Amino acid sequence: MDVILLEDLKGVGAKGALVHVKPGYARNYLLPQRLAISAGDKAANLYKELERQKQFKEDKLVAQAREQASRIEGVEVNIPTQANEEDTLFGSVTNADVADALAQAGHRVDKHQIEITEHIKQLGRYDVPVRFFGGVSATVKVWVVRA
């Protein structure tokens, strides 16, 4: 059975390729999982239309991510914590703490979008990257202050 792949599949082919696979593999796995479409006289047009719709959705998501990144770029938040005399925290500041501080400042950001390489364990100012869809990112200034 000939199919056009909608995704890259290891051992089968690349996205957009016309490949010949066993009918059971196509009927029971590729077609129900929407990994391929049956190759026919209208399949190429269907594939092009699906790609156009997918690109349109992706462009829309990237535009939303850029708009959200421009709103959050340069925002400064304070996170009050307890620390000893050497400015070492009793615990650490995590991406969830930064997400909560941003939410209190009026910016809704998922904690998984905040990329702190290591937990913050000292008082001070930190530049924290926030990653959005499509490689769009922004930097937030986080001030960890004594409570």
Protein backbone atom coordinates (compact mmCIF):
# COMPACT_ATOMS: atom_id res chain seq x y z
CA MET A 1 0.00 0.00 0.00
CA ASP A 2 1.34 3.44 -0.90
CA VAL A 3 1.08 6.24 1.68
CA ILE A 4 2.35 9.79 2.07
CA LEU A 5 4.05 10.30 5.43
CA LEU A 6 2.91 13.24 7.57
CA GLU A 7 5.77 12.80 10.08
CA ASP A 8 9.35 11.56 9.98
CA LEU A 9 9.37 7.87 10.83
CA LYS A 10 12.60 6.06 11.56
CA GLY A 11 13.06 3.12 9.23
CA VAL A 12 10.11 4.14 7.04
CA GLY A 13 10.84 7.53 5.53
CA ALA A 14 10.89 11.29 5.86
CA LYS A 15 7.92 13.61 6.13
CA GLY A 16 6.21 14.12 2.77
CA ALA A 17 7.71 11.00 1.21
CA LEU A 18 5.64 8.57 -0.83
CA VAL A 19 6.47 5.12 0.56
CA HIS A 20 5.20 1.59 0.05
CA VAL A 21 4.29 -0.19 3.31
CA LYS A 22 2.38 -3.35 4.15
CA PRO A 23 -1.39 -2.81 4.16
CA GLY A 24 -1.85 -3.91 7.78
CA TYR A 25 0.82 -1.49 9.01
CA ALA A 26 -0.87 1.34 7.16
CA ARG A 27 -4.44 0.43 8.20
CA ASN A 28 -3.71 -0.39 11.83
CA TYR A 29 -1.01 2.11 12.74
CA LEU A 30 -0.08 4.84 10.25
CA LEU A 31 -3.56 5.95 9.22
CA PRO A 32 -5.29 5.86 12.68
CA GLN A 33 -2.36 7.68 14.32
CA ARG A 34 -2.44 10.30 11.51
CA LEU A 35 1.17 9.61 10.68
CA ALA A 36 0.32 9.07 7.01
CA ILE A 37 -2.42 9.49 4.44
CA SER A 38 -3.34 7.02 1.75
CA ALA A 39 -1.67 7.87 -1.55
CA GLY A 40 -4.22 8.54 -4.23
CA ASP A 41 -4.94 11.05 -6.93
CA LYS A 42 -6.05 13.66 -4.36
CA ALA A 43 -3.51 12.80 -1.67
CA ALA A 44 -0.89 15.31 -2.81
CA ASN A 45 -3.41 18.16 -2.67
CA LEU A 46 -4.62 17.00 0.75
CA TYR A 47 -1.04 16.86 2.01
CA LYS A 48 -0.34 20.39 0.76
CA GLU A 49 -3.52 21.67 2.42
CA LEU A 50 -2.64 19.99 5.73
CA GLU A 51 0.84 21.51 5.60
CA ARG A 52 -0.60 24.96 4.85
CA GLN A 53 -3.01 24.70 7.80
CA LYS A 54 -0.24 23.49 10.08
CA GLN A 55 2.05 26.36 9.02
CA PHE A 56 -0.76 28.87 9.57
CA LYS A 57 -1.36 27.58 13.12
CA GLU A 58 2.36 27.61 13.87
CA ASP A 59 2.74 31.19 12.59
CA LYS A 60 -0.17 32.26 14.77
CA LEU A 61 1.37 30.61 17.85
CA VAL A 62 4.74 32.23 17.16
CA ALA A 63 3.08 35.65 16.83
CA GLN A 64 1.32 35.12 20.17
CA ALA A 65 4.60 34.03 21.75
CA ARG A 66 6.39 37.15 20.45
CA GLU A 67 3.62 39.37 21.80
CA GLN A 68 3.76 37.66 25.19
CA ALA A 69 7.58 37.86 25.24
CA SER A 70 7.50 41.58 24.46
CA ARG A 71 5.13 42.15 27.40
CA ILE A 72 7.31 40.20 29.82
CA GLU A 73 10.75 41.35 28.58
CA GLY A 74 12.58 43.31 31.27
CA VAL A 75 9.97 42.76 33.99
CA GLU A 76 11.47 42.87 37.47
CA VAL A 77 10.06 40.80 40.34
CA ASN A 78 11.06 40.58 43.97
CA ILE A 79 11.09 37.26 45.78
CA PRO A 80 11.40 37.71 49.56
CA THR A 81 13.06 34.76 51.30
CA GLN A 82 14.80 34.04 54.54
CA ALA A 83 18.59 34.04 54.54
CA ASN A 84 21.45 33.80 57.01
CA GLU A 85 24.15 36.42 57.66
CA GLU A 86 26.23 35.24 54.66
CA ASP A 87 23.24 35.87 52.32
CA THR A 88 22.69 32.14 51.80
CA LEU A 89 19.04 31.17 51.55
CA PHE A 90 17.29 28.69 53.82
CA GLY A 91 16.20 26.61 50.84
CA SER A 92 16.26 27.83 47.25
CA VAL A 93 14.30 29.80 44.70
CA THR A 94 12.92 27.59 41.93
CA ASN A 95 11.16 28.19 38.64
CA ALA A 96 7.81 27.70 40.44
CA ASP A 97 8.67 30.59 42.80
CA VAL A 98 9.51 32.80 39.82
CA ALA A 99 6.24 31.80 38.11
CA ASP A 100 4.30 32.71 41.27
CA ALA A 101 6.04 36.09 41.50
CA LEU A 102 5.28 36.78 37.84
CA ALA A 103 1.63 35.81 38.38
CA GLN A 104 1.42 38.30 41.26
CA ALA A 105 2.85 40.93 38.92
CA GLY A 106 0.09 40.16 36.40
CA HIS A 107 2.01 37.94 33.98
CA ARG A 108 0.77 34.36 33.63
CA VAL A 109 3.68 32.07 32.77
CA ASP A 110 3.88 28.31 33.13
CA LYS A 111 6.67 27.20 35.46
CA HIS A 112 7.97 24.86 32.75
CA GLN A 113 8.69 27.83 30.48
CA ILE A 114 11.07 29.34 33.04
CA GLU A 115 14.59 28.03 32.62
CA ILE A 116 16.71 28.24 35.73
CA THR A 117 19.77 26.05 35.23
CA GLU A 118 20.44 25.74 38.95
CA HIS A 119 18.26 26.67 41.89
CA ILE A 120 19.00 30.13 43.25
CA LYS A 121 20.59 29.84 46.70
CA GLN A 122 21.97 33.37 47.29
CA LEU A 123 20.44 36.80 47.67
CA GLY A 124 20.90 39.07 44.68
CA ARG A 125 19.75 39.87 41.16
CA TYR A 126 19.40 37.16 38.52
CA ASP A 127 18.50 37.26 34.84
CA VAL A 128 16.11 34.38 34.22
CA PRO A 129 15.20 33.31 30.67
CA VAL A 130 11.59 32.50 29.86
CA ARG A 131 11.10 30.32 26.75
CA PHE A 132 7.98 30.48 24.64
CA PHE A 133 6.78 28.59 21.56
CA GLY A 134 8.98 28.53 18.47
CA GLY A 135 12.24 29.52 20.15
CA VAL A 136 10.93 32.90 21.28
CA SER A 137 12.37 33.94 24.63
CA ALA A 138 12.43 36.83 27.06
CA THR A 139 14.54 37.72 30.08
CA VAL A 140 13.07 38.53 33.47
CA LYS A 141 15.04 40.20 36.26
CA VAL A 142 14.56 38.40 39.56
CA TRP A 143 15.59 40.10 42.77
CA VAL A 144 15.97 37.67 45.65
CA VAL A 145 15.69 39.80 48.78
CA ARG A 146 15.71 39.16 52.50
CA ALA A 147 12.23 38.73 53.95
